[in-house]
PDB file of N, CA and C in Angstrom:
ATOM      1  N   MET A   1      49.805  39.487 124.699  1.00  0.00           N
ATOM      2  CA  MET A   1      49.246  40.753 125.126  1.00  0.00           C
ATOM      3  C   MET A   1      50.375  41.710 125.509  1.00  0.00           C
ATOM      4  N   ARG A   2      51.404  41.200 126.144  1.00  0.00           N
ATOM      5  CA  ARG A   2      52.527  42.041 126.557  1.00  0.00           C
ATOM      6  C   ARG A   2      53.160  42.719 125.343  1.00  0.00           C
ATOM      7  N   HIS A   3      53.368  41.965 124.265  1.00  0.00           N
ATOM      8  CA  HIS A   3      53.979  42.537 123.059  1.00  0.00           C
ATOM      9  C   HIS A   3      53.075  43.604 122.436  1.00  0.00           C
ATOM     10  N   SER A   4      51.788  43.360 122.473  1.00  0.00           N
ATOM     11  CA  SER A   4      50.844  44.327 121.930  1.00  0.00           C
ATOM     12  C   SER A   4      50.856  45.609 122.761  1.00  0.00           C
ATOM     13  N   LEU A   5      50.971  45.486 124.081  1.00  0.00           N
ATOM     14  CA  LEU A   5      51.064  46.671 124.944  1.00  0.00           C
ATOM     15  C   LEU A   5      52.346  47.450 124.674  1.00  0.00           C
ATOM     16  N   VAL A   6      53.435  46.747 124.438  1.00  0.00           N
ATOM     17  CA  VAL A   6      54.698  47.416 124.101  1.00  0.00           C
ATOM     18  C   VAL A   6      54.532  48.186 122.790  1.00  0.00           C
ATOM     19  N   ASP A   7      53.863  47.574 121.820  1.00  0.00           N
ATOM     20  CA  ASP A   7      53.627  48.253 120.537  1.00  0.00           C
ATOM     21  C   ASP A   7      52.812  49.533 120.732  1.00  0.00           C
ATOM     22  N   ILE A   8      51.843  49.484 121.629  1.00  0.00           N
ATOM     23  CA  ILE A   8      51.032  50.681 121.908  1.00  0.00           C
ATOM     24  C   ILE A   8      51.909  51.749 122.545  1.00  0.00           C
ATOM     25  N   ARG A   9      52.678  51.373 123.545  1.00  0.00           N
ATOM     26  CA  ARG A   9      53.538  52.333 124.245  1.00  0.00           C
ATOM     27  C   ARG A   9      54.546  52.969 123.290  1.00  0.00           C
ATOM     28  N   GLU A  10      55.035  52.209 122.324  1.00  0.00           N
ATOM     29  CA  GLU A  10      56.034  52.722 121.378  1.00  0.00           C
ATOM     30  C   GLU A  10      55.398  53.445 120.192  1.00  0.00           C
ATOM     31  N   GLY A  11      54.074  53.502 120.166  1.00  0.00           N
ATOM     32  CA  GLY A  11      53.388  54.233 119.107  1.00  0.00           C
ATOM     33  C   GLY A  11      53.237  53.468 117.807  1.00  0.00           C
ATOM     34  N   CYS A  12      53.481  52.179 117.822  1.00  0.00           N
ATOM     35  CA  CYS A  12      53.352  51.377 116.604  1.00  0.00           C
ATOM     36  C   CYS A  12      51.896  51.051 116.281  1.00  0.00           C
ATOM     37  N   THR A  13      51.068  51.028 117.302  1.00  0.00           N
ATOM     38  CA  THR A  13      49.644  50.745 117.125  1.00  0.00           C
ATOM     39  C   THR A  13      48.861  51.463 118.218  1.00  0.00           C
ATOM     40  N   GLU A  14      47.550  51.550 118.043  1.00  0.00           N
ATOM     41  CA  GLU A  14      46.728  52.258 119.030  1.00  0.00           C
ATOM     42  C   GLU A  14      45.837  51.327 119.832  1.00  0.00           C
ATOM     43  N   ARG A  15      45.806  50.055 119.457  1.00  0.00           N
ATOM     44  CA  ARG A  15      44.923  49.095 120.124  1.00  0.00           C
ATOM     45  C   ARG A  15      45.632  47.765 120.310  1.00  0.00           C
ATOM     46  N   LEU A  16      45.123  46.993 121.243  1.00  0.00           N
ATOM     47  CA  LEU A  16      45.615  45.627 121.410  1.00  0.00           C
ATOM     48  C   LEU A  16      45.162  44.815 120.204  1.00  0.00           C
ATOM     49  N   THR A  17      46.084  44.080 119.616  1.00  0.00           N
ATOM     50  CA  THR A  17      45.745  43.268 118.455  1.00  0.00           C
ATOM     51  C   THR A  17      46.198  41.848 118.695  1.00  0.00           C
ATOM     52  N   GLY A  18      45.615  40.953 117.968  1.00  0.00           N
ATOM     53  CA  GLY A  18      46.006  39.559 118.075  1.00  0.00           C
ATOM     54  C   GLY A  18      44.915  38.725 118.713  1.00  0.00           C
ATOM     55  N   SER A  19      45.189  37.445 118.797  1.00  0.00           N
ATOM     56  CA  SER A  19      44.260  36.510 119.430  1.00  0.00           C
ATOM     57  C   SER A  19      44.707  36.298 120.864  1.00  0.00           C
ATOM     58  N   PHE A  20      43.742  36.386 121.769  1.00  0.00           N
ATOM     59  CA  PHE A  20      44.052  36.213 123.179  1.00  0.00           C
ATOM     60  C   PHE A  20      43.233  35.049 123.719  1.00  0.00           C
ATOM     61  N   PRO A  21      43.759  34.358 124.714  1.00  0.00           N
ATOM     62  CA  PRO A  21      42.981  33.273 125.324  1.00  0.00           C
ATOM     63  C   PRO A  21      41.658  33.819 125.857  1.00  0.00           C
ATOM     64  N   LYS A  22      40.648  32.980 125.884  1.00  0.00           N
ATOM     65  CA  LYS A  22      39.320  33.426 126.291  1.00  0.00           C
ATOM     66  C   LYS A  22      39.309  33.987 127.704  1.00  0.00           C
ATOM     67  N   GLU A  23      40.264  33.579 128.547  1.00  0.00           N
ATOM     68  CA  GLU A  23      40.323  34.084 129.915  1.00  0.00           C
ATOM     69  C   GLU A  23      40.709  35.566 129.972  1.00  0.00           C
ATOM     70  N   VAL A  24      41.524  36.018 129.027  1.00  0.00           N
ATOM     71  CA  VAL A  24      41.971  37.419 129.043  1.00  0.00           C
ATOM     72  C   VAL A  24      41.331  38.251 127.934  1.00  0.00           C
ATOM     73  N   SER A  25      40.547  37.631 127.082  1.00  0.00           N
ATOM     74  CA  SER A  25      39.898  38.354 125.992  1.00  0.00           C
ATOM     75  C   SER A  25      39.012  39.496 126.494  1.00  0.00           C
ATOM     76  N   PRO A  26      38.207  39.300 127.579  1.00  0.00           N
ATOM     77  CA  PRO A  26      37.421  40.430 128.093  1.00  0.00           C
ATOM     78  C   PRO A  26      38.306  41.587 128.573  1.00  0.00           C
ATOM     79  N   LEU A  27      39.446  41.268 129.162  1.00  0.00           N
ATOM     80  CA  LEU A  27      40.376  42.299 129.597  1.00  0.00           C
ATOM     81  C   LEU A  27      40.915  43.071 128.397  1.00  0.00           C
ATOM     82  N   ALA A  28      41.259  42.367 127.335  1.00  0.00           N
ATOM     83  CA  ALA A  28      41.766  43.020 126.125  1.00  0.00           C
ATOM     84  C   ALA A  28      40.699  43.951 125.545  1.00  0.00           C
ATOM     85  N   GLU A  29      39.448  43.517 125.553  1.00  0.00           N
ATOM     86  CA  GLU A  29      38.367  44.361 125.044  1.00  0.00           C
ATOM     87  C   GLU A  29      38.207  45.613 125.898  1.00  0.00           C
ATOM     88  N   GLU A  30      38.253  45.465 127.210  1.00  0.00           N
ATOM     89  CA  GLU A  30      38.149  46.619 128.112  1.00  0.00           C
ATOM     90  C   GLU A  30      39.319  47.581 127.911  1.00  0.00           C
ATOM     91  N   LEU A  31      40.515  47.036 127.763  1.00  0.00           N
ATOM     92  CA  LEU A  31      41.685  47.883 127.530  1.00  0.00           C
ATOM     93  C   LEU A  31      41.540  48.647 126.216  1.00  0.00           C
ATOM     94  N   ASN A  32      41.034  47.996 125.187  1.00  0.00           N
ATOM     95  CA  ASN A  32      40.826  48.687 123.909  1.00  0.00           C
ATOM     96  C   ASN A  32      39.790  49.787 124.045  1.00  0.00           C
ATOM     97  N   GLU A  33      38.734  49.546 124.817  1.00  0.00           N
ATOM     98  CA  GLU A  33      37.745  50.600 125.043  1.00  0.00           C
ATOM     99  C   GLU A  33      38.355  51.768 125.808  1.00  0.00           C
ATOM    100  N   LEU A  34      39.205  51.466 126.784  1.00  0.00           N
ATOM    101  CA  LEU A  34      39.898  52.509 127.530  1.00  0.00           C
ATOM    102  C   LEU A  34      40.837  53.290 126.612  1.00  0.00           C
ATOM    103  N   LEU A  35      41.542  52.595 125.753  1.00  0.00           N
ATOM    104  CA  LEU A  35      42.432  53.263 124.793  1.00  0.00           C
ATOM    105  C   LEU A  35      41.637  54.143 123.833  1.00  0.00           C
ATOM    106  N   ASP A  36      40.480  53.656 123.372  1.00  0.00           N
ATOM    107  CA  ASP A  36      39.625  54.455 122.489  1.00  0.00           C
ATOM    108  C   ASP A  36      39.161  55.730 123.195  1.00  0.00           C
ATOM    109  N   HIS A  37      38.750  55.574 124.447  1.00  0.00           N
ATOM    110  CA  HIS A  37      38.289  56.729 125.218  1.00  0.00           C
ATOM    111  C   HIS A  37      39.423  57.735 125.414  1.00  0.00           C
ATOM    112  N   THR A  38      40.599  57.240 125.738  1.00  0.00           N
ATOM    113  CA  THR A  38      41.753  58.114 125.945  1.00  0.00           C
ATOM    114  C   THR A  38      42.094  58.858 124.654  1.00  0.00           C
ATOM    115  N   THR A  39      42.018  58.174 123.530  1.00  0.00           N
ATOM    116  CA  THR A  39      42.276  58.807 122.236  1.00  0.00           C
ATOM    117  C   THR A  39      41.249  59.903 121.963  1.00  0.00           C
ATOM    118  N   GLU A  40      39.996  59.639 122.311  1.00  0.00           N
ATOM    119  CA  GLU A  40      38.937  60.641 122.127  1.00  0.00           C
ATOM    120  C   GLU A  40      39.176  61.855 123.019  1.00  0.00           C
ATOM    121  N   VAL A  41      39.521  61.635 124.278  1.00  0.00           N
ATOM    122  CA  VAL A  41      39.784  62.744 125.205  1.00  0.00           C
ATOM    123  C   VAL A  41      40.974  63.565 124.718  1.00  0.00           C
ATOM    124  N   LEU A  42      42.008  62.890 124.269  1.00  0.00           N
ATOM    125  CA  LEU A  42      43.184  63.582 123.747  1.00  0.00           C
ATOM    126  C   LEU A  42      42.834  64.399 122.510  1.00  0.00           C
ATOM    127  N   GLY A  43      41.998  63.862 121.647  1.00  0.00           N
ATOM    128  CA  GLY A  43      41.567  64.605 120.460  1.00  0.00           C
ATOM    129  C   GLY A  43      40.804  65.864 120.824  1.00  0.00           C
ATOM    130  N   ARG A  44      39.924  65.757 121.837  1.00  0.00           N
ATOM    131  CA  ARG A  44      39.187  66.940 122.278  1.00  0.00           C
ATOM    132  C   ARG A  44      40.131  67.977 122.874  1.00  0.00           C
ATOM    133  N   ALA A  45      41.129  67.512 123.625  1.00  0.00           N
ATOM    134  CA  ALA A  45      42.094  68.437 124.227  1.00  0.00           C
ATOM    135  C   ALA A  45      42.897  69.154 123.142  1.00  0.00           C
ATOM    136  N   ARG A  46      43.306  68.419 122.131  1.00  0.00           N
ATOM    137  CA  ARG A  46      44.046  69.040 121.025  1.00  0.00           C
ATOM    138  C   ARG A  46      43.188  70.070 120.300  1.00  0.00           C
ATOM    139  N   SER A  47      41.933  69.725 120.083  1.00  0.00           N
ATOM    140  CA  SER A  47      41.011  70.656 119.430  1.00  0.00           C
ATOM    141  C   SER A  47      40.819  71.907 120.283  1.00  0.00           C
ATOM    142  N   HIS A  48      40.700  71.712 121.575  1.00  0.00           N
ATOM    143  CA  HIS A  48      40.526  72.822 122.506  1.00  0.00           C
ATOM    144  C   HIS A  48      41.735  73.767 122.447  1.00  0.00           C
ATOM    145  N   VAL A  49      42.913  73.210 122.446  1.00  0.00           N
ATOM    146  CA  VAL A  49      44.132  74.024 122.376  1.00  0.00           C
ATOM    147  C   VAL A  49      44.209  74.745 121.037  1.00  0.00           C
ATOM    148  N   GLY A  50      43.822  74.068 119.975  1.00  0.00           N
ATOM    149  CA  GLY A  50      43.810  74.707 118.654  1.00  0.00           C
ATOM    150  C   GLY A  50      42.833  75.868 118.600  1.00  0.00           C
ATOM    151  N   ASN A  51      41.654  75.677 119.211  1.00  0.00           N
ATOM    152  CA  ASN A  51      40.667  76.764 119.252  1.00  0.00           C
ATOM    153  C   ASN A  51      41.199  77.961 120.030  1.00  0.00           C
ATOM    154  N   LEU A  52      41.856  77.695 121.141  1.00  0.00           N
ATOM    155  CA  LEU A  52      42.426  78.784 121.939  1.00  0.00           C
ATOM    156  C   LEU A  52      43.487  79.529 121.133  1.00  0.00           C
ATOM    157  N   ALA A  53      44.386  78.789 120.515  1.00  0.00           N
ATOM    158  CA  ALA A  53      45.443  79.425 119.724  1.00  0.00           C
ATOM    159  C   ALA A  53      44.856  80.266 118.596  1.00  0.00           C
ATOM    160  N   HIS A  54      43.842  79.725 117.936  1.00  0.00           N
ATOM    161  CA  HIS A  54      43.205  80.468 116.839  1.00  0.00           C
ATOM    162  C   HIS A  54      42.531  81.737 117.372  1.00  0.00           C
ATOM    163  N   GLY A  55      41.872  81.631 118.513  1.00  0.00           N
ATOM    164  CA  GLY A  55      41.201  82.784 119.090  1.00  0.00           C
ATOM    165  C   GLY A  55      42.147  83.884 119.534  1.00  0.00           C
ATOM    166  N   LEU A  56      43.350  83.524 119.916  1.00  0.00           N
ATOM    167  CA  LEU A  56      44.332  84.515 120.365  1.00  0.00           C
ATOM    168  C   LEU A  56      45.117  85.123 119.209  1.00  0.00           C
ATOM    169  N   LYS A  57      45.184  84.393 118.110  1.00  0.00           N
ATOM    170  CA  LYS A  57      45.994  84.825 116.974  1.00  0.00           C
ATOM    171  C   LYS A  57      45.544  86.158 116.374  1.00  0.00           C
ATOM    172  N   THR A  58      44.250  86.317 116.162  1.00  0.00           N
ATOM    173  CA  THR A  58      43.748  87.530 115.510  1.00  0.00           C
ATOM    174  C   THR A  58      44.003  88.782 116.345  1.00  0.00           C
ATOM    175  N   PRO A  59      43.626  88.784 117.650  1.00  0.00           N
ATOM    176  CA  PRO A  59      43.913  89.992 118.427  1.00  0.00           C
ATOM    177  C   PRO A  59      45.407  90.310 118.493  1.00  0.00           C
ATOM    178  N   LEU A  60      46.230  89.281 118.561  1.00  0.00           N
ATOM    179  CA  LEU A  60      47.678  89.523 118.588  1.00  0.00           C
ATOM    180  C   LEU A  60      48.157  90.115 117.265  1.00  0.00           C
ATOM    181  N   ALA A  61      47.592  89.652 116.162  1.00  0.00           N
ATOM    182  CA  ALA A  61      47.961  90.200 114.850  1.00  0.00           C
ATOM    183  C   ALA A  61      47.521  91.664 114.742  1.00  0.00           C
ATOM    184  N   VAL A  62      46.320  91.956 115.229  1.00  0.00           N
ATOM    185  CA  VAL A  62      45.834  93.349 115.206  1.00  0.00           C
ATOM    186  C   VAL A  62      46.774  94.229 116.008  1.00  0.00           C
ATOM    187  N   LEU A  63      47.136  93.788 117.198  1.00  0.00           N
ATOM    188  CA  LEU A  63      48.054  94.575 118.035  1.00  0.00           C
ATOM    189  C   LEU A  63      49.405  94.765 117.340  1.00  0.00           C
ATOM    190  N   GLY A  64      49.902  93.714 116.724  1.00  0.00           N
ATOM    191  CA  GLY A  64      51.178  93.818 116.009  1.00  0.00           C
ATOM    192  C   GLY A  64      51.114  94.793 114.860  1.00  0.00           C
ATOM    193  N   ASN A  65      50.025  94.725 114.084  1.00  0.00           N
ATOM    194  CA  ASN A  65      49.869  95.633 112.938  1.00  0.00           C
ATOM    195  C   ASN A  65      49.714  97.086 113.386  1.00  0.00           C
ATOM    196  N   LYS A  66      48.916  97.295 114.405  1.00  0.00           N
ATOM    197  CA  LYS A  66      48.670  98.658 114.872  1.00  0.00           C
ATOM    198  C   LYS A  66      49.898  99.261 115.550  1.00  0.00           C
ATOM    199  N   SER A  67      50.704  98.432 116.182  1.00  0.00           N
ATOM    200  CA  SER A  67      51.894  98.971 116.852  1.00  0.00           C
ATOM    201  C   SER A  67      52.951  99.414 115.841  1.00  0.00           C
ATOM    202  N   ALA A  68      52.863  98.895 114.617  1.00  0.00           N
ATOM    203  CA  ALA A  68      53.816  99.289 113.580  1.00  0.00           C
ATOM    204  C   ALA A  68      53.589 100.731 113.129  1.00  0.00           C
ATOM    205  N   SER A  69      52.350 101.190 113.215  1.00  0.00           N
ATOM    206  CA  SER A  69      52.042 102.577 112.846  1.00  0.00           C
ATOM    207  C   SER A  69      51.034 103.144 113.855  1.00  0.00           C
ATOM    208  N   PRO A  70      51.531 103.529 115.026  1.00  0.00           N
ATOM    209  CA  PRO A  70      50.642 104.005 116.091  1.00  0.00           C
ATOM    210  C   PRO A  70      49.871 105.267 115.685  1.00  0.00           C
ATOM    211  N   THR A  71      48.654 105.335 116.182  1.00  0.00           N
ATOM    212  CA  THR A  71      47.808 106.508 115.971  1.00  0.00           C
ATOM    213  C   THR A  71      47.245 106.911 117.329  1.00  0.00           C
ATOM    214  N   GLU A  72      46.463 107.981 117.331  1.00  0.00           N
ATOM    215  CA  GLU A  72      45.877 108.411 118.606  1.00  0.00           C
ATOM    216  C   GLU A  72      44.796 107.436 119.071  1.00  0.00           C
ATOM    217  N   LYS A  73      44.299 106.574 118.177  1.00  0.00           N
ATOM    218  CA  LYS A  73      43.311 105.568 118.564  1.00  0.00           C
ATOM    219  C   LYS A  73      43.958 104.329 119.193  1.00  0.00           C
ATOM    220  N   MET A  74      45.273 104.314 119.228  1.00  0.00           N
ATOM    221  CA  MET A  74      46.004 103.149 119.713  1.00  0.00           C
ATOM    222  C   MET A  74      45.557 102.690 121.104  1.00  0.00           C
ATOM    223  N   PRO A  75      45.411 103.567 122.087  1.00  0.00           N
ATOM    224  CA  PRO A  75      44.980 103.092 123.413  1.00  0.00           C
ATOM    225  C   PRO A  75      43.627 102.371 123.369  1.00  0.00           C
ATOM    226  N   ASP A  76      42.697 102.864 122.567  1.00  0.00           N
ATOM    227  CA  ASP A  76      41.391 102.218 122.445  1.00  0.00           C
ATOM    228  C   ASP A  76      41.509 100.847 121.780  1.00  0.00           C
ATOM    229  N   ILE A  77      42.320 100.784 120.745  1.00  0.00           N
ATOM    230  CA  ILE A  77      42.518  99.514 120.037  1.00  0.00           C
ATOM    231  C   ILE A  77      43.173  98.496 120.966  1.00  0.00           C
ATOM    232  N   VAL A  78      44.186  98.927 121.689  1.00  0.00           N
ATOM    233  CA  VAL A  78      44.876  98.024 122.615  1.00  0.00           C
ATOM    234  C   VAL A  78      43.900  97.521 123.672  1.00  0.00           C
ATOM    235  N   ASP A  79      43.091  98.403 124.220  1.00  0.00           N
ATOM    236  CA  ASP A  79      42.143  97.992 125.244  1.00  0.00           C
ATOM    237  C   ASP A  79      41.100  97.033 124.686  1.00  0.00           C
ATOM    238  N   GLN A  80      40.612  97.308 123.492  1.00  0.00           N
ATOM    239  CA  GLN A  80      39.617  96.442 122.856  1.00  0.00           C
ATOM    240  C   GLN A  80      40.197  95.037 122.634  1.00  0.00           C
ATOM    241  N   GLN A  81      41.405  94.967 122.121  1.00  0.00           N
ATOM    242  CA  GLN A  81      42.035  93.675 121.856  1.00  0.00           C
ATOM    243  C   GLN A  81      42.394  92.958 123.164  1.00  0.00           C
ATOM    244  N   ARG A  82      42.781  93.730 124.173  1.00  0.00           N
ATOM    245  CA  ARG A  82      43.076  93.141 125.484  1.00  0.00           C
ATOM    246  C   ARG A  82      41.821  92.478 126.045  1.00  0.00           C
ATOM    247  N   GLN A  83      40.680  93.153 125.911  1.00  0.00           N
ATOM    248  CA  GLN A  83      39.425  92.583 126.395  1.00  0.00           C
ATOM    249  C   GLN A  83      39.057  91.310 125.631  1.00  0.00           C
ATOM    250  N   LEU A  84      39.295  91.335 124.330  1.00  0.00           N
ATOM    251  CA  LEU A  84      39.019  90.153 123.514  1.00  0.00           C
ATOM    252  C   LEU A  84      39.909  88.980 123.938  1.00  0.00           C
ATOM    253  N   LEU A  85      41.190  89.260 124.138  1.00  0.00           N
ATOM    254  CA  LEU A  85      42.110  88.220 124.605  1.00  0.00           C
ATOM    255  C   LEU A  85      41.661  87.673 125.955  1.00  0.00           C
ATOM    256  N   ARG A  86      41.279  88.559 126.858  1.00  0.00           N
ATOM    257  CA  ARG A  86      40.823  88.157 128.190  1.00  0.00           C
ATOM    258  C   ARG A  86      39.598  87.255 128.097  1.00  0.00           C
ATOM    259  N   ARG A  87      38.648  87.606 127.202  1.00  0.00           N
ATOM    260  CA  ARG A  87      37.446  86.776 127.044  1.00  0.00           C
ATOM    261  C   ARG A  87      37.804  85.379 126.556  1.00  0.00           C
ATOM    262  N   HIS A  88      38.722  85.300 125.591  1.00  0.00           N
ATOM    263  CA  HIS A  88      39.158  83.989 125.092  1.00  0.00           C
ATOM    264  C   HIS A  88      39.794  83.173 126.215  1.00  0.00           C
ATOM    265  N   VAL A  89      40.694  83.784 126.938  1.00  0.00           N
ATOM    266  CA  VAL A  89      41.378  83.074 128.024  1.00  0.00           C
ATOM    267  C   VAL A  89      40.380  82.651 129.096  1.00  0.00           C
ATOM    268  N   ASP A  90      39.493  83.543 129.499  1.00  0.00           N
ATOM    269  CA  ASP A  90      38.491  83.216 130.525  1.00  0.00           C
ATOM    270  C   ASP A  90      37.584  82.074 130.078  1.00  0.00           C
ATOM    271  N   HIS A  91      37.160  82.131 128.825  1.00  0.00           N
ATOM    272  CA  HIS A  91      36.300  81.075 128.289  1.00  0.00           C
ATOM    273  C   HIS A  91      36.979  79.714 128.383  1.00  0.00           C
ATOM    274  N   HIS A  92      38.226  79.651 127.956  1.00  0.00           N
ATOM    275  CA  HIS A  92      38.933  78.377 127.953  1.00  0.00           C
ATOM    276  C   HIS A  92      39.303  77.927 129.364  1.00  0.00           C
ATOM    277  N   LEU A  93      39.623  78.856 130.233  1.00  0.00           N
ATOM    278  CA  LEU A  93      39.890  78.481 131.621  1.00  0.00           C
ATOM    279  C   LEU A  93      38.634  77.935 132.298  1.00  0.00           C
ATOM    280  N   THR A  94      37.490  78.507 131.994  1.00  0.00           N
ATOM    281  CA  THR A  94      36.226  78.008 132.545  1.00  0.00           C
ATOM    282  C   THR A  94      35.966  76.583 132.073  1.00  0.00           C
ATOM    283  N   ARG A  95      36.214  76.329 130.798  1.00  0.00           N
ATOM    284  CA  ARG A  95      36.040  74.968 130.266  1.00  0.00           C
ATOM    285  C   ARG A  95      37.000  73.995 130.923  1.00  0.00           C
ATOM    286  N   VAL A  96      38.237  74.406 131.117  1.00  0.00           N
ATOM    287  CA  VAL A  96      39.229  73.521 131.734  1.00  0.00           C
ATOM    288  C   VAL A  96      38.841  73.219 133.180  1.00  0.00           C
ATOM    289  N   ARG A  97      38.376  74.235 133.900  1.00  0.00           N
ATOM    290  CA  ARG A  97      37.945  74.010 135.288  1.00  0.00           C
ATOM    291  C   ARG A  97      36.786  73.032 135.332  1.00  0.00           C
ATOM    292  N   ALA A  98      35.844  73.184 134.428  1.00  0.00           N
ATOM    293  CA  ALA A  98      34.690  72.278 134.394  1.00  0.00           C
ATOM    294  C   ALA A  98      35.130  70.854 134.076  1.00  0.00           C
ATOM    295  N   MET A  99      36.059  70.719 133.144  1.00  0.00           N
ATOM    296  CA  MET A  99      36.568  69.386 132.811  1.00  0.00           C
ATOM    297  C   MET A  99      37.373  68.810 133.953  1.00  0.00           C
ATOM    298  N   GLY A 100      38.065  69.676 134.693  1.00  0.00           N
ATOM    299  CA  GLY A 100      38.884  69.214 135.811  1.00  0.00           C
ATOM    300  C   GLY A 100      38.075  68.651 136.946  1.00  0.00           C
ATOM    301  N   GLN A 101      36.809  69.038 137.046  1.00  0.00           N
ATOM    302  CA  GLN A 101      35.945  68.524 138.097  1.00  0.00           C
ATOM    303  C   GLN A 101      35.314  67.191 137.725  1.00  0.00           C
ATOM    304  N   ALA A 102      35.359  66.844 136.461  1.00  0.00           N
ATOM    305  CA  ALA A 102      34.768  65.574 136.004  1.00  0.00           C
ATOM    306  C   ALA A 102      35.802  64.463 136.133  1.00  0.00           C
ATOM    307  N   PRO A 103      35.357  63.256 136.415  1.00  0.00           N
ATOM    308  CA  PRO A 103      36.297  62.133 136.464  1.00  0.00           C
ATOM    309  C   PRO A 103      36.982  61.943 135.103  1.00  0.00           C
ATOM    310  N   LEU A 104      38.261  61.682 135.129  1.00  0.00           N
ATOM    311  CA  LEU A 104      39.045  61.559 133.902  1.00  0.00           C
ATOM    312  C   LEU A 104      38.553  60.441 133.001  1.00  0.00           C
ATOM    313  N   LEU A 105      38.186  59.335 133.572  1.00  0.00           N
ATOM    314  CA  LEU A 105      37.867  58.175 132.765  1.00  0.00           C
ATOM    315  C   LEU A 105      36.377  57.981 132.521  1.00  0.00           C
ATOM    316  N   ARG A 106      35.594  58.996 132.836  1.00  0.00           N
ATOM    317  CA  ARG A 106      34.141  58.879 132.599  1.00  0.00           C
ATOM    318  C   ARG A 106      33.881  58.911 131.101  1.00  0.00           C
ATOM    319  N   GLY A 107      32.957  58.123 130.643  1.00  0.00           N
ATOM    320  CA  GLY A 107      32.650  58.023 129.214  1.00  0.00           C
ATOM    321  C   GLY A 107      31.721  59.051 128.721  1.00  0.00           C
TER     322      GLY A 107
END
């Protein structure tokens, strides 16, 4: 089991593998379930960060494009995009706060 844990820590595998004595087999199963849950939580976190980045990309691109050739509508465009950015940030911060109140290891 120790070697299998080292393999997990070094990124060689994601689960405990091998045959374990019946006395520790339930522990190995629980550890694998914990590892599966952690992998799922990490996947959701990565997806969440990707969604945030995608949501911020468009308003930033609009601001970049409009700043290259400013017009008299520029203040309105900047304010509109600022509000959009704020909504994205607020939405994701609200989700993070809600997740922060939940127990980390809850299934």
